[in-house]
């Protein structure tokens, strides 16, 4: 593909594959009794459309850390052979801090990963959620430390002078094996999971806070023909994450959020 937009046919086919991947994840999670929840734009899709946002091109789900680790450990034995669970454990050169379930035989080659020798199939993202400090200063330090370590991990796979700390990244990444850096990142992300904290969050970003009690009382919802879960008080979560939340966006706004990959194949 040589443009940044999709044709209506491409987007329709992409949505079909995304629903297929999510359906398989939901099947595996049901068998393993692992709850997951829709997040980000996918949660908006539940709220307004009971499915994928018409112009969206991905699906994001979250799991609390304990369930996320169980999924990584147990899902590969149950997942249909049409799919691949991509994580550091299954593909050591992955640059991502989270897992993806990709469909074999498809392609979704993104600009920022085009040179990596990894599975490049169409995917659904699975994001781990961990408890975060209640204190805003501590939360910011937690976020900064996790992202600093992740920057070094990313440098190992994609060296870049555009990084915030390229010289430090180069030095540290040359001294410490990626396996240990990945372990350190997980240690930092999960520092507060044993504590009595108010919120879960995707530690790597600022605005995905979900109160602990809202993840302990997940609500059933529909996403296409798939039964999924959303945090209790979905509207509150969405308005925290998207202060200007609304159903209808301008064409200009839609173009900001949708970027076709370099190569797309079904």
C-alpha atoms as a PDB file:
ATOM      1  CA  UNK A   1       0.000   0.000   0.000  1.00  0.00           C
ATOM      2  CA  UNK A   2       1.333   3.445  -0.831  1.00  0.00           C
ATOM      3  CA  UNK A   3      -1.241   5.689   0.832  1.00  0.00           C
ATOM      4  CA  UNK A   4      -2.234   6.464   4.405  1.00  0.00           C
ATOM      5  CA  UNK A   5      -5.887   5.594   3.883  1.00  0.00           C
ATOM      6  CA  UNK A   6      -7.940   2.459   3.395  1.00  0.00           C
ATOM      7  CA  UNK A   7     -10.465   1.718   0.704  1.00  0.00           C
ATOM      8  CA  UNK A   8     -13.886   0.747   2.063  1.00  0.00           C
ATOM      9  CA  UNK A   9     -13.273  -2.810   0.851  1.00  0.00           C
ATOM     10  CA  UNK A  10      -9.922  -3.050   2.663  1.00  0.00           C
ATOM     11  CA  UNK A  11     -11.396  -1.750   5.903  1.00  0.00           C
ATOM     12  CA  UNK A  12     -14.306  -4.180   5.698  1.00  0.00           C
ATOM     13  CA  UNK A  13     -11.949  -7.133   5.125  1.00  0.00           C
ATOM     14  CA  UNK A  14      -9.672  -5.943   7.931  1.00  0.00           C
ATOM     15  CA  UNK A  15     -12.598  -5.737  10.342  1.00  0.00           C
ATOM     16  CA  UNK A  16     -13.600  -9.291   9.429  1.00  0.00           C
ATOM     17  CA  UNK A  17     -10.129 -10.595  10.316  1.00  0.00           C
ATOM     18  CA  UNK A  18      -9.995  -8.542  13.531  1.00  0.00           C
ATOM     19  CA  UNK A  19     -13.324 -10.003  14.658  1.00  0.00           C
ATOM     20  CA  UNK A  20     -11.990 -13.464  13.837  1.00  0.00           C
ATOM     21  CA  UNK A  21      -8.890 -12.950  15.992  1.00  0.00           C
ATOM     22  CA  UNK A  22     -10.889 -11.471  18.869  1.00  0.00           C
ATOM     23  CA  UNK A  23     -13.352 -14.340  18.680  1.00  0.00           C
ATOM     24  CA  UNK A  24     -10.512 -16.815  19.077  1.00  0.00           C
ATOM     25  CA  UNK A  25      -9.077 -14.883  22.025  1.00  0.00           C
ATOM     26  CA  UNK A  26     -12.532 -14.839  23.652  1.00  0.00           C
ATOM     27  CA  UNK A  27     -12.878 -18.597  23.122  1.00  0.00           C
ATOM     28  CA  UNK A  28      -9.478 -19.291  24.701  1.00  0.00           C
ATOM     29  CA  UNK A  29     -10.150 -16.933  27.606  1.00  0.00           C
ATOM     30  CA  UNK A  30     -13.498 -18.585  28.300  1.00  0.00           C
ATOM     31  CA  UNK A  31     -11.864 -22.011  28.341  1.00  0.00           C
ATOM     32  CA  UNK A  32      -9.126 -20.802  30.697  1.00  0.00           C
ATOM     33  CA  UNK A  33     -11.494 -18.666  32.805  1.00  0.00           C
ATOM     34  CA  UNK A  34      -9.401 -15.568  32.113  1.00  0.00           C
ATOM     35  CA  UNK A  35     -11.353 -12.292  32.092  1.00  0.00           C
ATOM     36  CA  UNK A  36     -10.339  -9.598  29.617  1.00  0.00           C
ATOM     37  CA  UNK A  37     -11.770  -6.145  29.002  1.00  0.00           C
ATOM     38  CA  UNK A  38     -12.045  -3.776  26.059  1.00  0.00           C
ATOM     39  CA  UNK A  39      -9.936  -0.620  26.296  1.00  0.00           C
ATOM     40  CA  UNK A  40      -9.188   2.539  24.336  1.00  0.00           C
ATOM     41  CA  UNK A  41     -10.874   2.886  20.969  1.00  0.00           C
ATOM     42  CA  UNK A  42     -12.307  -0.617  21.267  1.00  0.00           C
ATOM     43  CA  UNK A  43     -14.146   0.436  24.435  1.00  0.00           C
ATOM     44  CA  UNK A  44     -15.498   3.431  22.507  1.00  0.00           C
ATOM     45  CA  UNK A  45     -16.642   0.951  19.868  1.00  0.00           C
ATOM     46  CA  UNK A  46     -18.586  -0.973  22.497  1.00  0.00           C
ATOM     47  CA  UNK A  47     -20.133   2.218  23.876  1.00  0.00           C
ATOM     48  CA  UNK A  48     -21.405   3.683  20.608  1.00  0.00           C
ATOM     49  CA  UNK A  49     -21.535   0.849  18.069  1.00  0.00           C
ATOM     50  CA  UNK A  50     -21.379  -2.487  19.940  1.00  0.00           C
ATOM     51  CA  UNK A  51     -18.461  -3.276  17.661  1.00  0.00           C
ATOM     52  CA  UNK A  52     -15.415  -1.814  15.955  1.00  0.00           C
ATOM     53  CA  UNK A  53     -15.524   1.927  15.342  1.00  0.00           C
ATOM     54  CA  UNK A  54     -16.413   2.122  11.626  1.00  0.00           C
ATOM     55  CA  UNK A  55     -13.135   3.876  10.722  1.00  0.00           C
ATOM     56  CA  UNK A  56     -10.880   2.062  13.227  1.00  0.00           C
ATOM     57  CA  UNK A  57      -8.252  -0.463  12.165  1.00  0.00           C
ATOM     58  CA  UNK A  58      -7.322  -2.283  15.371  1.00  0.00           C
ATOM     59  CA  UNK A  59      -8.668  -3.878  18.536  1.00  0.00           C
ATOM     60  CA  UNK A  60      -7.156  -3.422  22.000  1.00  0.00           C
ATOM     61  CA  UNK A  61      -7.973  -5.490  25.061  1.00  0.00           C
ATOM     62  CA  UNK A  62      -6.590  -5.399  28.585  1.00  0.00           C
ATOM     63  CA  UNK A  63      -5.920  -7.987  31.270  1.00  0.00           C
ATOM     64  CA  UNK A  64      -4.763  -7.551  34.832  1.00  0.00           C
ATOM     65  CA  UNK A  65      -1.180  -8.723  35.196  1.00  0.00           C
ATOM     66  CA  UNK A  66      -2.021 -12.057  36.823  1.00  0.00           C
ATOM     67  CA  UNK A  67      -4.466 -12.958  34.050  1.00  0.00           C
ATOM     68  CA  UNK A  68      -2.097 -11.641  31.384  1.00  0.00           C
ATOM     69  CA  UNK A  69       0.717 -13.915  32.585  1.00  0.00           C
ATOM     70  CA  UNK A  70      -1.643 -16.892  32.730  1.00  0.00           C
ATOM     71  CA  UNK A  71      -2.751 -16.167  29.176  1.00  0.00           C
ATOM     72  CA  UNK A  72       0.847 -16.025  27.926  1.00  0.00           C
ATOM     73  CA  UNK A  73       1.628 -19.281  29.683  1.00  0.00           C
ATOM     74  CA  UNK A  74      -1.450 -21.321  28.794  1.00  0.00           C
ATOM     75  CA  UNK A  75      -2.966 -19.929  25.596  1.00  0.00           C
ATOM     76  CA  UNK A  76      -0.348 -21.285  23.139  1.00  0.00           C
ATOM     77  CA  UNK A  77      -1.496 -24.853  23.861  1.00  0.00           C
ATOM     78  CA  UNK A  78      -5.143 -23.958  23.136  1.00  0.00           C
ATOM     79  CA  UNK A  79      -4.914 -21.306  20.426  1.00  0.00           C
ATOM     80  CA  UNK A  80      -6.001 -22.456  16.972  1.00  0.00           C
ATOM     81  CA  UNK A  81      -3.037 -23.059  14.651  1.00  0.00           C
ATOM     82  CA  UNK A  82      -4.271 -20.235  12.405  1.00  0.00           C
ATOM     83  CA  UNK A  83      -3.034 -17.785  15.016  1.00  0.00           C
ATOM     84  CA  UNK A  84       0.267 -16.849  16.683  1.00  0.00           C
ATOM     85  CA  UNK A  85       0.699 -15.406  20.165  1.00  0.00           C
ATOM     86  CA  UNK A  86       3.501 -12.877  19.850  1.00  0.00           C
ATOM     87  CA  UNK A  87       5.384 -11.960  23.003  1.00  0.00           C
ATOM     88  CA  UNK A  88       8.985 -11.807  24.112  1.00  0.00           C
ATOM     89  CA  UNK A  89       8.740 -15.470  25.135  1.00  0.00           C
ATOM     90  CA  UNK A  90       7.572 -16.651  21.711  1.00  0.00           C
ATOM     91  CA  UNK A  91       9.526 -14.157  19.577  1.00  0.00           C
ATOM     92  CA  UNK A  92      12.563 -12.660  21.348  1.00  0.00           C
ATOM     93  CA  UNK A  93      13.042  -9.906  18.751  1.00  0.00           C
ATOM     94  CA  UNK A  94       9.598  -8.406  19.252  1.00  0.00           C
ATOM     95  CA  UNK A  95       9.934  -4.700  20.119  1.00  0.00           C
ATOM     96  CA  UNK A  96       6.622  -4.566  22.017  1.00  0.00           C
ATOM     97  CA  UNK A  97       6.114  -4.566  25.802  1.00  0.00           C
ATOM     98  CA  UNK A  98       2.713  -6.229  25.341  1.00  0.00           C
ATOM     99  CA  UNK A  99       1.419  -9.292  23.523  1.00  0.00           C
ATOM    100  CA  UNK A 100      -0.326  -9.575  20.182  1.00  0.00           C
ATOM    101  CA  UNK A 101      -2.374 -12.383  18.703  1.00  0.00           C
ATOM    102  CA  UNK A 102      -1.686 -12.379  14.962  1.00  0.00           C
ATOM    103  CA  UNK A 103      -3.341 -14.330  12.185  1.00  0.00           C
ATOM    104  CA  UNK A 104      -0.971 -16.482  10.182  1.00  0.00           C
ATOM    105  CA  UNK A 105      -0.949 -15.962   6.429  1.00  0.00           C
ATOM    106  CA  UNK A 106      -1.882 -12.269   6.676  1.00  0.00           C
ATOM    107  CA  UNK A 107       0.214  -9.110   6.556  1.00  0.00           C
ATOM    108  CA  UNK A 108      -0.072  -5.788   8.356  1.00  0.00           C
ATOM    109  CA  UNK A 109       3.371  -4.275   7.907  1.00  0.00           C
ATOM    110  CA  UNK A 110       3.638  -1.006   9.827  1.00  0.00           C
ATOM    111  CA  UNK A 111       6.094   1.785   9.050  1.00  0.00           C
ATOM    112  CA  UNK A 112       7.895   1.547  12.394  1.00  0.00           C
ATOM    113  CA  UNK A 113       8.448  -2.241  12.258  1.00  0.00           C
ATOM    114  CA  UNK A 114       8.966  -2.806   8.527  1.00  0.00           C
ATOM    115  CA  UNK A 115      12.653  -3.712   8.926  1.00  0.00           C
ATOM    116  CA  UNK A 116      12.182  -6.182  11.779  1.00  0.00           C
ATOM    117  CA  UNK A 117      12.286  -9.925  11.190  1.00  0.00           C
ATOM    118  CA  UNK A 118       9.128 -10.697  13.152  1.00  0.00           C
ATOM    119  CA  UNK A 119       5.633 -12.012  12.478  1.00  0.00           C
ATOM    120  CA  UNK A 120       3.842  -9.148  10.717  1.00  0.00           C
ATOM    121  CA  UNK A 121       0.293 -10.516  10.524  1.00  0.00           C
ATOM    122  CA  UNK A 122      -2.951  -8.694  11.308  1.00  0.00           C
ATOM    123  CA  UNK A 123      -3.266  -8.511  15.089  1.00  0.00           C
ATOM    124  CA  UNK A 124      -5.195  -7.774  18.252  1.00  0.00           C
ATOM    125  CA  UNK A 125      -3.212  -6.110  21.062  1.00  0.00           C
ATOM    126  CA  UNK A 126      -3.320  -7.523  24.610  1.00  0.00           C
ATOM    127  CA  UNK A 127      -2.153  -4.982  27.196  1.00  0.00           C
ATOM    128  CA  UNK A 128      -1.155  -5.835  30.791  1.00  0.00           C
ATOM    129  CA  UNK A 129      -2.646  -3.628  33.515  1.00  0.00           C
ATOM    130  CA  UNK A 130      -0.870  -3.116  36.831  1.00  0.00           C
ATOM    131  CA  UNK A 131      -1.612  -1.145  39.978  1.00  0.00           C
ATOM    132  CA  UNK A 132      -0.098   2.315  40.120  1.00  0.00           C
ATOM    133  CA  UNK A 133       0.755   4.706  42.977  1.00  0.00           C
ATOM    134  CA  UNK A 134      -2.045   6.930  44.269  1.00  0.00           C
ATOM    135  CA  UNK A 135       0.421   9.803  44.671  1.00  0.00           C
ATOM    136  CA  UNK A 136       0.691  11.772  41.402  1.00  0.00           C
ATOM    137  CA  UNK A 137       4.418  12.422  41.761  1.00  0.00           C
ATOM    138  CA  UNK A 138       5.136   8.739  42.440  1.00  0.00           C
ATOM    139  CA  UNK A 139       2.923   7.757  39.540  1.00  0.00           C
ATOM    140  CA  UNK A 140       4.910   9.996  37.206  1.00  0.00           C
ATOM    141  CA  UNK A 141       8.231   8.596  38.456  1.00  0.00           C
ATOM    142  CA  UNK A 142       6.881   5.071  37.981  1.00  0.00           C
ATOM    143  CA  UNK A 143       5.851   5.943  34.422  1.00  0.00           C
ATOM    144  CA  UNK A 144       9.183   7.612  33.634  1.00  0.00           C
ATOM    145  CA  UNK A 145      11.279   4.699  34.906  1.00  0.00           C
ATOM    146  CA  UNK A 146       9.240   2.106  33.013  1.00  0.00           C
ATOM    147  CA  UNK A 147       9.454   4.088  29.787  1.00  0.00           C
ATOM    148  CA  UNK A 148      13.193   4.665  30.191  1.00  0.00           C
ATOM    149  CA  UNK A 149      13.789   0.925  30.453  1.00  0.00           C
ATOM    150  CA  UNK A 150      11.472   0.293  27.510  1.00  0.00           C
ATOM    151  CA  UNK A 151      13.383   2.857  25.435  1.00  0.00           C
ATOM    152  CA  UNK A 152      16.567   0.836  25.991  1.00  0.00           C
ATOM    153  CA  UNK A 153      14.790  -2.413  25.071  1.00  0.00           C
ATOM    154  CA  UNK A 154      13.457  -0.810  21.885  1.00  0.00           C
ATOM    155  CA  UNK A 155      16.942   0.460  21.012  1.00  0.00           C
ATOM    156  CA  UNK A 156      18.208  -3.115  20.942  1.00  0.00           C
ATOM    157  CA  UNK A 157      15.859  -3.932  18.062  1.00  0.00           C
ATOM    158  CA  UNK A 158      15.632  -0.502  16.402  1.00  0.00           C
ATOM    159  CA  UNK A 159      18.657   1.721  17.163  1.00  0.00           C
ATOM    160  CA  UNK A 160      17.699   5.368  16.698  1.00  0.00           C
ATOM    161  CA  UNK A 161      19.391   8.712  17.222  1.00  0.00           C
ATOM    162  CA  UNK A 162      15.920  10.166  17.722  1.00  0.00           C
ATOM    163  CA  UNK A 163      15.567   8.508  21.133  1.00  0.00           C
ATOM    164  CA  UNK A 164      15.523  10.782  24.156  1.00  0.00           C
ATOM    165  CA  UNK A 165      18.761   9.250  25.516  1.00  0.00           C
ATOM    166  CA  UNK A 166      20.507   7.625  22.499  1.00  0.00           C
ATOM    167  CA  UNK A 167      24.000   7.433  24.041  1.00  0.00           C
ATOM    168  CA  UNK A 168      22.713   5.921  27.279  1.00  0.00           C
ATOM    169  CA  UNK A 169      20.464   3.555  25.321  1.00  0.00           C
ATOM    170  CA  UNK A 170      23.391   2.398  23.185  1.00  0.00           C
ATOM    171  CA  UNK A 171      25.698   1.857  26.158  1.00  0.00           C
ATOM    172  CA  UNK A 172      23.202   0.077  28.418  1.00  0.00           C
ATOM    173  CA  UNK A 173      21.739  -2.051  25.627  1.00  0.00           C
ATOM    174  CA  UNK A 174      25.247  -3.235  24.720  1.00  0.00           C
ATOM    175  CA  UNK A 175      25.984  -4.241  28.323  1.00  0.00           C
ATOM    176  CA  UNK A 176      22.760  -5.897  29.462  1.00  0.00           C
ATOM    177  CA  UNK A 177      21.041  -8.782  27.620  1.00  0.00           C
ATOM    178  CA  UNK A 178      17.514  -8.069  26.443  1.00  0.00           C
ATOM    179  CA  UNK A 179      16.179 -10.906  28.607  1.00  0.00           C
ATOM    180  CA  UNK A 180      17.330  -9.097  31.750  1.00  0.00           C
ATOM    181  CA  UNK A 181      15.995  -5.737  30.557  1.00  0.00           C
ATOM    182  CA  UNK A 182      12.599  -7.311  29.864  1.00  0.00           C
ATOM    183  CA  UNK A 183      12.641  -8.796  33.362  1.00  0.00           C
ATOM    184  CA  UNK A 184      13.567  -5.410  34.852  1.00  0.00           C
ATOM    185  CA  UNK A 185      10.733  -3.692  32.987  1.00  0.00           C
ATOM    186  CA  UNK A 186       8.243  -6.240  34.298  1.00  0.00           C
ATOM    187  CA  UNK A 187       9.611  -5.797  37.824  1.00  0.00           C
ATOM    188  CA  UNK A 188       9.084  -2.026  37.617  1.00  0.00           C
ATOM    189  CA  UNK A 189       5.626  -2.310  36.038  1.00  0.00           C
ATOM    190  CA  UNK A 190       4.437  -4.689  38.768  1.00  0.00           C
ATOM    191  CA  UNK A 191       6.021  -2.912  41.762  1.00  0.00           C
ATOM    192  CA  UNK A 192       2.688  -1.922  43.306  1.00  0.00           C
ATOM    193  CA  UNK A 193       0.537  -4.955  42.500  1.00  0.00           C
ATOM    194  CA  UNK A 194       0.790  -6.286  46.033  1.00  0.00           C
ATOM    195  CA  UNK A 195      -0.246  -2.957  47.520  1.00  0.00           C
ATOM    196  CA  UNK A 196      -3.645  -1.528  48.375  1.00  0.00           C
ATOM    197  CA  UNK A 197      -3.907   1.017  45.547  1.00  0.00           C
ATOM    198  CA  UNK A 198      -6.901   2.740  43.966  1.00  0.00           C
ATOM    199  CA  UNK A 199      -6.232   2.308  40.242  1.00  0.00           C
ATOM    200  CA  UNK A 200      -4.975  -0.060  37.618  1.00  0.00           C
ATOM    201  CA  UNK A 201      -3.311   1.377  34.535  1.00  0.00           C
ATOM    202  CA  UNK A 202      -1.310   0.490  31.480  1.00  0.00           C
ATOM    203  CA  UNK A 203       1.834   1.713  33.215  1.00  0.00           C
ATOM    204  CA  UNK A 204       3.440   2.862  29.961  1.00  0.00           C
ATOM    205  CA  UNK A 205       0.876   5.623  29.378  1.00  0.00           C
ATOM    206  CA  UNK A 206      -0.797   8.207  31.625  1.00  0.00           C
ATOM    207  CA  UNK A 207      -4.492   8.135  30.865  1.00  0.00           C
ATOM    208  CA  UNK A 208      -5.768   4.561  31.057  1.00  0.00           C
ATOM    209  CA  UNK A 209      -6.648   4.607  34.762  1.00  0.00           C
ATOM    210  CA  UNK A 210      -9.346   2.150  35.834  1.00  0.00           C
ATOM    211  CA  UNK A 211     -10.417   1.902  39.504  1.00  0.00           C
ATOM    212  CA  UNK A 212      -9.639  -1.483  41.032  1.00  0.00           C
ATOM    213  CA  UNK A 213     -13.293  -2.089  41.896  1.00  0.00           C
ATOM    214  CA  UNK A 214     -14.320  -1.486  38.272  1.00  0.00           C
ATOM    215  CA  UNK A 215     -12.091  -4.338  37.112  1.00  0.00           C
ATOM    216  CA  UNK A 216     -13.401  -6.594  39.862  1.00  0.00           C
ATOM    217  CA  UNK A 217     -16.957  -6.104  38.521  1.00  0.00           C
ATOM    218  CA  UNK A 218     -16.621  -6.413  34.756  1.00  0.00           C
ATOM    219  CA  UNK A 219     -19.785  -6.000  32.712  1.00  0.00           C
ATOM    220  CA  UNK A 220     -20.779  -8.173  29.758  1.00  0.00           C
ATOM    221  CA  UNK A 221     -21.119  -6.406  26.406  1.00  0.00           C
ATOM    222  CA  UNK A 222     -21.376  -7.188  22.709  1.00  0.00           C
ATOM    223  CA  UNK A 223     -18.652  -6.504  20.176  1.00  0.00           C
ATOM    224  CA  UNK A 224     -20.084  -7.584  16.863  1.00  0.00           C
ATOM    225  CA  UNK A 225     -21.267 -11.122  17.530  1.00  0.00           C
ATOM    226  CA  UNK A 226     -18.675 -11.663  20.268  1.00  0.00           C
ATOM    227  CA  UNK A 227     -19.392 -11.548  23.990  1.00  0.00           C
ATOM    228  CA  UNK A 228     -16.792  -9.330  25.635  1.00  0.00           C
ATOM    229  CA  UNK A 229     -16.295  -7.502  28.917  1.00  0.00           C
ATOM    230  CA  UNK A 230     -15.878  -3.839  29.817  1.00  0.00           C
ATOM    231  CA  UNK A 231     -14.960  -2.141  33.085  1.00  0.00           C
ATOM    232  CA  UNK A 232     -17.825  -1.313  35.381  1.00  0.00           C
ATOM    233  CA  UNK A 233     -18.804   2.333  34.794  1.00  0.00           C
ATOM    234  CA  UNK A 234     -17.658   2.226  31.166  1.00  0.00           C
ATOM    235  CA  UNK A 235     -18.821   5.793  30.581  1.00  0.00           C
ATOM    236  CA  UNK A 236     -16.684   7.098  33.457  1.00  0.00           C
ATOM    237  CA  UNK A 237     -13.619   5.268  32.127  1.00  0.00           C
ATOM    238  CA  UNK A 238     -14.128   6.663  28.637  1.00  0.00           C
ATOM    239  CA  UNK A 239     -14.624  10.240  29.790  1.00  0.00           C
ATOM    240  CA  UNK A 240     -11.443  10.053  31.908  1.00  0.00           C
ATOM    241  CA  UNK A 241      -9.492   8.713  28.937  1.00  0.00           C
ATOM    242  CA  UNK A 242     -11.173  10.890  26.296  1.00  0.00           C
ATOM    243  CA  UNK A 243     -12.343  14.213  27.809  1.00  0.00           C
ATOM    244  CA  UNK A 244     -13.796  15.262  24.431  1.00  0.00           C
ATOM    245  CA  UNK A 245     -15.533  11.947  23.818  1.00  0.00           C
ATOM    246  CA  UNK A 246     -18.207  12.043  21.142  1.00  0.00           C
ATOM    247  CA  UNK A 247     -19.546   9.709  18.502  1.00  0.00           C
ATOM    248  CA  UNK A 248     -19.144  11.776  15.356  1.00  0.00           C
ATOM    249  CA  UNK A 249     -15.707  13.034  14.292  1.00  0.00           C
ATOM    250  CA  UNK A 250     -14.693  15.196  11.362  1.00  0.00           C
ATOM    251  CA  UNK A 251     -12.855  13.715   8.395  1.00  0.00           C
ATOM    252  CA  UNK A 252      -9.710  15.505   9.542  1.00  0.00           C
ATOM    253  CA  UNK A 253      -9.928  13.933  13.006  1.00  0.00           C
ATOM    254  CA  UNK A 254     -10.544  10.500  11.525  1.00  0.00           C
ATOM    255  CA  UNK A 255      -7.389  10.798   9.384  1.00  0.00           C
ATOM    256  CA  UNK A 256      -5.352  11.485  12.530  1.00  0.00           C
ATOM    257  CA  UNK A 257      -6.365   8.181  14.086  1.00  0.00           C
ATOM    258  CA  UNK A 258      -6.319   5.890  11.059  1.00  0.00           C
ATOM    259  CA  UNK A 259      -3.107   5.107   9.203  1.00  0.00           C
ATOM    260  CA  UNK A 260      -2.988   2.291   6.690  1.00  0.00           C
ATOM    261  CA  UNK A 261       0.099   0.056   6.872  1.00  0.00           C
ATOM    262  CA  UNK A 262       2.800  -0.219   4.236  1.00  0.00           C
ATOM    263  CA  UNK A 263       1.548  -3.653   3.275  1.00  0.00           C
ATOM    264  CA  UNK A 264      -1.826  -5.252   3.927  1.00  0.00           C
ATOM    265  CA  UNK A 265      -2.802  -8.769   2.927  1.00  0.00           C
ATOM    266  CA  UNK A 266      -5.719 -10.953   3.986  1.00  0.00           C
END
